[in-house]
Amino acid sequence: MSSPKPRVLCVDDEQHVLSGVKLGLRKHFEVTTALSGTEALHALASQGPFEVVLSDMRMPQMSGAELLAHARQGWPDVTRVLLTGHSEFEAAVAAVNEGAVFRFLTKPCPRDVLVATLGEASRHHRLVTAERVLLQETLLGCVRAMSETLALTNPVAFGRGQRIAHLARSLSTRLGHADPWAVEAAALLSQLGYAAVPAAVQEKAYRNETLDDQERAMLTGTAKLTHQILSRIPRIKTMIDILEDSS
C-alpha cells in the first residue's frame, strides 16, 4: 500500500499561477491552494494539517514573509518555503529570520527544482514531527513512572494527581491548548511535593481540620519541593512553567 502524498498548501494572489503550480505538483503532492495570506491562514486552521506551506513573496495586504511568520506562530510544525523575485532578495533574507523559512527559491523556479525542494521540506517536517512525538512519549512515560512511584509512598497524593491530570487534559483539549500532553504531565507532577507530607496531615487538610504551624508549613512547601525536584531534570521546562503559572 503506497504512502499518502505529502500535503502542501500553495499561496499566490494569481489564480493562473496557482493552477499551473497545482498541475505541476499533483503527481507528487496533495495540493491545496489559497489566493491570499488570509485565505491561507484559514486553510491552515480548517483544512490542515499540512506538511509544507509554499508562498509567493509579493502579495497585497499580507506578504509571503508575513504569512509564513504567522504560520510559524500558529502551526510551528509546518515547513515553510518562500518564492521570491531577484529584487526581493533582502526581504527574503529577513523572512528566513522572522518566519524560520526552511528555504527560499527565486522565480521563475524550474518544476524539478520545486518538486525536489518540496520533497526535502516534507521530509524535514516528518523528521521534526517524529522527534517531537518521541520526546513527548519519552517524557510522559518518565512522568508516569514518577507518578506511580509516588503511589507507593503516598496513595492519596497519587490518586489526587490522577484525577487532576484527567480533568486538566480534557480541559486543555477543549480549549485548544497546543500541548495537552504537557498539561497532563504537569498535573501528574504537581503532587510530587506531597511525598514529604504524612498522609495524616493531608487527611486533616482535606477535612478542613485545624493544622498546627508545622503542618501548615509542610503543605505550603509542597510547591517549592516539587520545583526543586523537577529543576534537576532536563527538557521539562514547559511543565515547570505550567506548574508555576498555576501556583
Protein backbone atom coordinates (compact mmCIF):
# COMPACT_ATOMS: atom_id res chain seq x y z
CA MET A 1 0.00 0.00 0.00
CA SER A 2 1.51 3.34 -1.05
CA SER A 3 2.07 6.13 1.45
CA PRO A 4 -0.23 9.16 1.23
CA LYS A 5 1.13 12.09 -0.71
CA PRO A 6 2.59 14.95 1.35
CA ARG A 7 0.06 17.75 1.83
CA VAL A 8 1.24 21.13 0.51
CA LEU A 9 -0.53 24.50 0.77
CA CYS A 10 0.42 26.80 -2.14
CA VAL A 11 -0.28 30.53 -1.83
CA ASP A 12 -0.25 33.13 -4.62
CA ASP A 13 -2.54 36.04 -5.50
CA GLU A 14 -2.73 35.00 -9.17
CA GLN A 15 -5.11 32.14 -9.99
CA HIS A 16 -3.33 31.12 -13.21
CA VAL A 17 -0.06 30.73 -11.28
CA LEU A 18 -1.74 28.52 -8.70
CA SER A 19 -3.37 26.44 -11.41
CA GLY A 20 -0.01 25.88 -13.08
CA VAL A 21 1.73 25.02 -9.83
CA LYS A 22 -1.02 22.59 -8.85
CA LEU A 23 -0.84 20.90 -12.24
CA GLY A 24 2.94 20.54 -12.00
CA LEU A 25 2.90 19.17 -8.43
CA ARG A 26 -0.16 16.95 -8.35
CA LYS A 27 1.79 13.81 -9.30
CA HIS A 28 3.93 14.11 -6.17
CA PHE A 29 1.84 16.06 -3.65
CA GLU A 30 -1.70 16.65 -2.46
CA VAL A 31 -2.02 20.36 -3.24
CA THR A 32 -4.38 22.89 -1.67
CA THR A 33 -4.32 26.48 -2.94
CA ALA A 34 -5.05 29.90 -1.45
CA LEU A 35 -5.24 33.29 -3.15
CA SER A 36 -4.15 35.42 -0.16
CA GLY A 37 -2.44 35.25 3.20
CA THR A 38 -5.79 35.49 4.98
CA GLU A 39 -7.20 32.63 2.93
CA ALA A 40 -4.07 30.59 3.62
CA LEU A 41 -4.36 31.08 7.39
CA HIS A 42 -7.99 29.98 7.20
CA ALA A 43 -6.93 26.87 5.26
CA LEU A 44 -4.26 26.07 7.84
CA ALA A 45 -6.87 26.29 10.59
CA SER A 46 -9.70 24.45 8.85
CA GLN A 47 -8.11 22.08 6.33
CA GLY A 48 -4.82 21.11 7.99
CA PRO A 49 -2.57 19.62 8.94
CA PHE A 50 -0.21 20.46 6.09
CA GLU A 51 3.40 19.39 5.89
CA VAL A 52 4.57 22.34 3.80
CA VAL A 53 3.42 25.88 3.02
CA LEU A 54 4.76 27.36 -0.24
CA SER A 55 4.08 31.09 -0.59
CA ASP A 56 4.86 33.80 -3.10
CA MET A 57 6.58 36.78 -1.51
CA ARG A 58 4.79 39.69 -3.19
CA MET A 59 1.08 39.65 -2.41
CA PRO A 60 -1.27 42.53 -1.49
CA GLN A 61 -2.37 43.10 2.13
CA MET A 62 -0.20 40.32 3.56
CA SER A 63 3.19 39.46 2.08
CA GLY A 64 4.54 35.94 1.92
CA ALA A 65 7.02 36.75 4.68
CA GLU A 66 4.22 37.97 6.95
CA LEU A 67 2.14 34.90 6.17
CA LEU A 68 4.96 32.50 6.99
CA ALA A 69 5.69 34.35 10.24
CA HIS A 70 2.02 33.88 11.23
CA ALA A 71 2.21 30.23 10.18
CA ARG A 72 5.26 29.76 12.35
CA GLN A 73 3.37 31.07 15.38
CA GLY A 74 0.16 29.13 14.85
CA TRP A 75 1.47 25.95 13.21
CA PRO A 76 5.14 25.66 14.14
CA ASP A 77 5.49 22.14 12.74
CA VAL A 78 4.63 23.12 9.16
CA THR A 79 7.71 23.59 6.96
CA ARG A 80 7.79 26.97 5.24
CA VAL A 81 9.10 27.71 1.73
CA LEU A 82 9.15 31.17 0.09
CA LEU A 83 9.15 32.08 -3.62
CA THR A 84 10.78 35.44 -4.37
CA GLY A 85 11.87 37.63 -7.25
CA HIS A 86 15.52 38.65 -7.59
CA SER A 87 14.68 42.20 -6.48
CA GLU A 88 13.22 40.87 -3.22
CA PHE A 89 16.39 39.17 -2.01
CA GLU A 90 16.85 41.31 1.13
CA ALA A 91 13.21 40.84 2.12
CA ALA A 92 13.60 37.10 1.60
CA VAL A 93 16.61 37.01 3.93
CA ALA A 94 14.55 38.84 6.57
CA ALA A 95 11.75 36.29 6.08
CA VAL A 96 14.18 33.44 6.73
CA ASN A 97 14.94 35.00 10.12
CA GLU A 98 11.44 36.13 11.11
CA GLY A 99 9.46 33.17 9.78
CA ALA A 100 12.12 30.49 10.19
CA VAL A 101 11.75 29.73 6.47
CA PHE A 102 13.19 26.35 5.53
CA ARG A 103 14.23 27.54 2.08
CA PHE A 104 13.55 30.32 -0.39
CA LEU A 105 13.51 29.94 -4.15
CA THR A 106 13.85 32.61 -6.83
CA LYS A 107 11.36 32.93 -9.67
CA PRO A 108 10.99 31.56 -12.22
CA CYS A 109 11.64 28.25 -10.48
CA PRO A 110 12.06 25.13 -12.66
CA ARG A 111 9.49 22.43 -11.88
CA ASP A 112 12.10 19.78 -10.99
CA VAL A 113 13.76 22.17 -8.52
CA LEU A 114 10.39 22.99 -6.94
CA VAL A 115 9.44 19.31 -6.66
CA ALA A 116 12.81 18.43 -5.12
CA THR A 117 12.64 21.31 -2.64
CA LEU A 118 9.12 20.47 -1.53
CA GLY A 119 10.16 16.84 -1.14
CA GLU A 120 13.02 17.89 1.14
CA ALA A 121 10.66 20.18 3.06
CA SER A 122 8.22 17.31 3.56
CA ARG A 123 10.96 15.01 4.84
CA HIS A 124 12.12 17.76 7.19
CA HIS A 125 8.58 18.10 8.54
CA ARG A 126 8.25 14.38 9.16
CA LEU A 127 11.63 14.19 10.88
CA VAL A 128 10.84 17.11 13.20
CA THR A 129 7.38 15.73 13.96
CA ALA A 130 8.74 12.24 14.70
CA GLU A 131 11.39 13.66 17.05
CA ARG A 132 8.78 15.74 18.88
CA VAL A 133 6.41 12.79 19.29
CA LEU A 134 9.26 10.61 20.55
CA LEU A 135 10.26 13.29 23.07
CA GLN A 136 6.68 13.67 24.25
CA GLU A 137 6.20 9.93 24.67
CA THR A 138 9.54 9.56 26.47
CA LEU A 139 8.90 12.45 28.84
CA LEU A 140 5.32 11.42 29.53
CA GLY A 141 6.46 7.85 30.19
CA CYS A 142 9.04 9.11 32.70
CA VAL A 143 6.44 11.35 34.34
CA ARG A 144 4.01 8.46 34.69
CA ALA A 145 6.75 6.31 36.20
CA MET A 146 7.48 9.04 38.76
CA SER A 147 3.79 9.38 39.50
CA GLU A 148 3.40 5.62 40.01
CA THR A 149 6.38 5.66 42.36
CA LEU A 150 4.50 8.30 44.36
CA ALA A 151 1.63 5.81 44.62
CA LEU A 152 3.87 3.52 46.68
CA THR A 153 4.66 6.20 49.25
CA ASN A 154 1.54 8.34 49.17
CA PRO A 155 -1.54 6.78 47.54
CA VAL A 156 -3.69 9.79 48.48
CA ALA A 157 -1.49 12.22 46.54
CA PHE A 158 -1.22 9.77 43.65
CA GLY A 159 -4.99 9.43 43.36
CA ARG A 160 -5.42 13.20 43.50
CA GLY A 161 -2.81 13.65 40.77
CA GLN A 162 -4.59 11.14 38.52
CA ARG A 163 -7.90 12.97 38.89
CA ILE A 164 -6.31 16.38 38.27
CA ALA A 165 -4.46 15.05 35.21
CA HIS A 166 -7.64 13.64 33.69
CA LEU A 167 -9.50 16.93 34.16
CA ALA A 168 -6.54 19.02 33.00
CA ARG A 169 -6.10 17.10 29.74
CA SER A 170 -9.84 17.23 28.99
CA LEU A 171 -9.96 20.98 29.58
CA SER A 172 -6.77 21.75 27.65
CA THR A 173 -8.01 19.71 24.68
CA ARG A 174 -11.36 21.54 24.64
CA LEU A 175 -9.59 24.90 24.89
CA GLY A 176 -7.28 24.03 22.01
CA HIS A 177 -4.03 24.04 24.01
CA ALA A 178 -1.09 23.31 21.72
CA ASP A 179 0.38 20.66 24.06
CA PRO A 180 -2.35 18.90 26.08
CA TRP A 181 0.12 16.14 26.92
CA ALA A 182 2.33 18.69 28.71
CA VAL A 183 -0.64 19.92 30.75
CA GLU A 184 -1.44 16.32 31.72
CA ALA A 185 2.17 15.68 32.68
CA ALA A 186 2.33 18.87 34.74
CA ALA A 187 -0.83 17.82 36.59
CA LEU A 188 0.70 14.45 37.43
CA LEU A 189 3.90 16.10 38.63
CA SER A 190 2.04 18.69 40.72
CA GLN A 191 1.66 16.21 43.56
CA LEU A 192 5.33 15.17 43.89
CA GLY A 193 5.94 17.50 46.82
CA TYR A 194 3.26 15.70 48.85
CA ALA A 195 5.57 12.69 49.12
CA ALA A 196 7.14 14.54 52.07
CA VAL A 197 3.78 15.23 53.75
CA PRO A 198 2.37 12.49 56.00
CA ALA A 199 -0.97 11.09 54.86
CA ALA A 200 -2.50 12.04 58.22
CA VAL A 201 -1.67 15.72 57.65
CA GLN A 202 -3.17 15.60 54.15
CA GLU A 203 -6.28 13.99 55.56
CA LYS A 204 -6.64 16.76 58.13
CA ALA A 205 -6.33 19.39 55.41
CA TYR A 206 -8.88 17.57 53.25
CA ARG A 207 -11.35 17.53 56.17
CA ASN A 208 -10.65 21.22 56.81
CA GLU A 209 -9.43 20.46 60.33
CA THR A 210 -7.19 22.86 62.25
CA LEU A 211 -3.50 22.49 61.39
CA ASP A 212 -0.57 23.48 63.57
CA ASP A 213 2.25 25.66 62.25
CA GLN A 214 4.46 22.72 61.31
CA GLU A 215 1.69 21.02 59.38
CA ARG A 216 0.82 24.21 57.50
CA ALA A 217 4.48 24.65 56.61
CA MET A 218 4.57 21.11 55.20
CA LEU A 219 1.60 21.80 52.95
CA THR A 220 2.70 25.24 51.76
CA GLY A 221 6.16 23.90 50.98
CA THR A 222 4.99 21.23 48.55
CA ALA A 223 5.16 23.52 45.50
CA LYS A 224 8.72 24.58 46.30
CA LEU A 225 9.77 20.97 46.89
CA THR A 226 8.18 19.89 43.60
CA HIS A 227 10.08 22.65 41.76
CA GLN A 228 13.36 21.61 43.41
CA ILE A 229 12.86 18.01 42.28
CA LEU A 230 11.89 18.88 38.73
CA SER A 231 14.56 21.54 38.19
CA ARG A 232 17.16 18.77 38.14
CA ILE A 233 15.51 17.06 35.16
CA PRO A 234 16.41 18.37 31.66
CA ARG A 235 13.86 19.20 28.93
CA ILE A 236 10.75 19.59 31.07
CA LYS A 237 10.76 23.39 31.28
CA THR A 238 7.30 23.55 29.67
CA MET A 239 5.82 21.51 32.52
CA ILE A 240 7.65 23.53 35.16
CA ASP A 241 6.29 26.75 33.61
CA ILE A 242 2.73 25.34 33.68
CA LEU A 243 3.09 24.48 37.37
CA GLU A 244 4.46 27.93 38.19
CA ASP A 245 1.64 29.65 36.30
CA SER A 246 -0.96 27.64 38.20
CA SER A 247 0.55 28.15 41.64
